[in-house]
């Protein structure tokens, strides 16, 4: 029922994490 919403949420969460890693001065934890 919430399949589309959950996928959209994960896409937004992934983009947010990428932005935080790019803005972070330290090296990204790999």
N, C-alpha and C. Protein backbone atom coordinates (compact mmCIF):
# COMPACT_ATOMS: atom_id res chain seq x y z
N UNK A 1 0.83 -1.20 0.00
CA UNK A 1 0.00 0.00 0.00
C UNK A 1 0.87 1.26 0.00
N UNK A 2 1.93 1.25 0.82
CA UNK A 2 2.83 2.41 0.89
C UNK A 2 4.13 2.16 0.13
N UNK A 3 4.05 1.30 -0.89
CA UNK A 3 5.28 0.93 -1.60
C UNK A 3 5.90 2.16 -2.28
N UNK A 4 5.08 2.93 -3.00
CA UNK A 4 5.61 4.12 -3.68
C UNK A 4 6.16 5.14 -2.69
N UNK A 5 5.45 5.35 -1.59
CA UNK A 5 5.89 6.33 -0.61
C UNK A 5 7.20 5.90 0.03
N UNK A 6 7.33 4.61 0.33
CA UNK A 6 8.54 4.13 0.99
C UNK A 6 9.74 4.26 0.05
N UNK A 7 9.53 3.96 -1.23
CA UNK A 7 10.65 4.07 -2.19
C UNK A 7 11.05 5.53 -2.32
N UNK A 8 10.08 6.44 -2.36
CA UNK A 8 10.38 7.87 -2.45
C UNK A 8 11.13 8.32 -1.20
N UNK A 9 10.71 7.81 -0.03
CA UNK A 9 11.38 8.15 1.22
C UNK A 9 12.83 7.72 1.20
N UNK A 10 13.09 6.50 0.71
CA UNK A 10 14.47 5.99 0.67
C UNK A 10 15.32 6.81 -0.29
N UNK A 11 14.72 7.25 -1.42
CA UNK A 11 15.46 8.08 -2.39
C UNK A 11 15.84 9.41 -1.74
N UNK A 12 14.89 10.02 -1.04
CA UNK A 12 15.17 11.30 -0.38
C UNK A 12 16.21 11.12 0.72
N UNK A 13 16.11 10.02 1.47
CA UNK A 13 17.06 9.75 2.56
C UNK A 13 18.46 9.55 2.00
N UNK A 14 18.56 8.82 0.87
CA UNK A 14 19.86 8.57 0.24
C UNK A 14 20.47 9.88 -0.24
N UNK A 15 19.64 10.74 -0.86
CA UNK A 15 20.14 12.03 -1.34
C UNK A 15 20.60 12.89 -0.16
N UNK A 16 19.86 12.87 0.93
CA UNK A 16 20.22 13.67 2.09
C UNK A 16 21.55 13.19 2.66
N UNK A 17 21.74 11.86 2.71
CA UNK A 17 23.00 11.33 3.25
C UNK A 17 24.16 11.73 2.34
N UNK A 18 23.93 11.74 1.02
CA UNK A 18 25.00 12.15 0.09
C UNK A 18 25.35 13.61 0.33
N UNK A 19 24.34 14.45 0.54
CA UNK A 19 24.59 15.88 0.78
C UNK A 19 25.38 16.06 2.07
N UNK A 20 25.02 15.32 3.11
CA UNK A 20 25.72 15.44 4.39
C UNK A 20 27.18 15.01 4.23
N UNK A 21 27.42 13.95 3.46
CA UNK A 21 28.79 13.47 3.25
C UNK A 21 29.59 14.50 2.46
N UNK A 22 28.95 15.12 1.45
CA UNK A 22 29.65 16.12 0.64
C UNK A 22 29.97 17.36 1.47
N UNK A 23 29.05 17.75 2.36
CA UNK A 23 29.27 18.95 3.17
C UNK A 23 30.23 18.67 4.33
N UNK A 24 30.35 17.40 4.69
CA UNK A 24 31.22 17.04 5.82
C UNK A 24 32.68 17.27 5.44
N UNK A 25 33.46 17.99 6.28
CA UNK A 25 34.87 18.27 5.99
C UNK A 25 35.72 17.00 6.10
N UNK A 26 35.29 16.07 6.93
CA UNK A 26 36.06 14.84 7.11
C UNK A 26 35.81 13.88 5.95
N UNK A 27 36.69 12.89 5.81
CA UNK A 27 36.51 11.91 4.74
C UNK A 27 35.30 11.04 5.06
N UNK A 28 34.54 10.65 4.04
CA UNK A 28 33.36 9.81 4.27
C UNK A 28 33.75 8.43 4.77
N UNK A 29 33.08 7.92 5.80
CA UNK A 29 33.38 6.58 6.33
C UNK A 29 33.03 5.51 5.31
N UNK A 30 34.04 4.80 4.84
CA UNK A 30 33.79 3.77 3.84
C UNK A 30 33.83 2.39 4.49
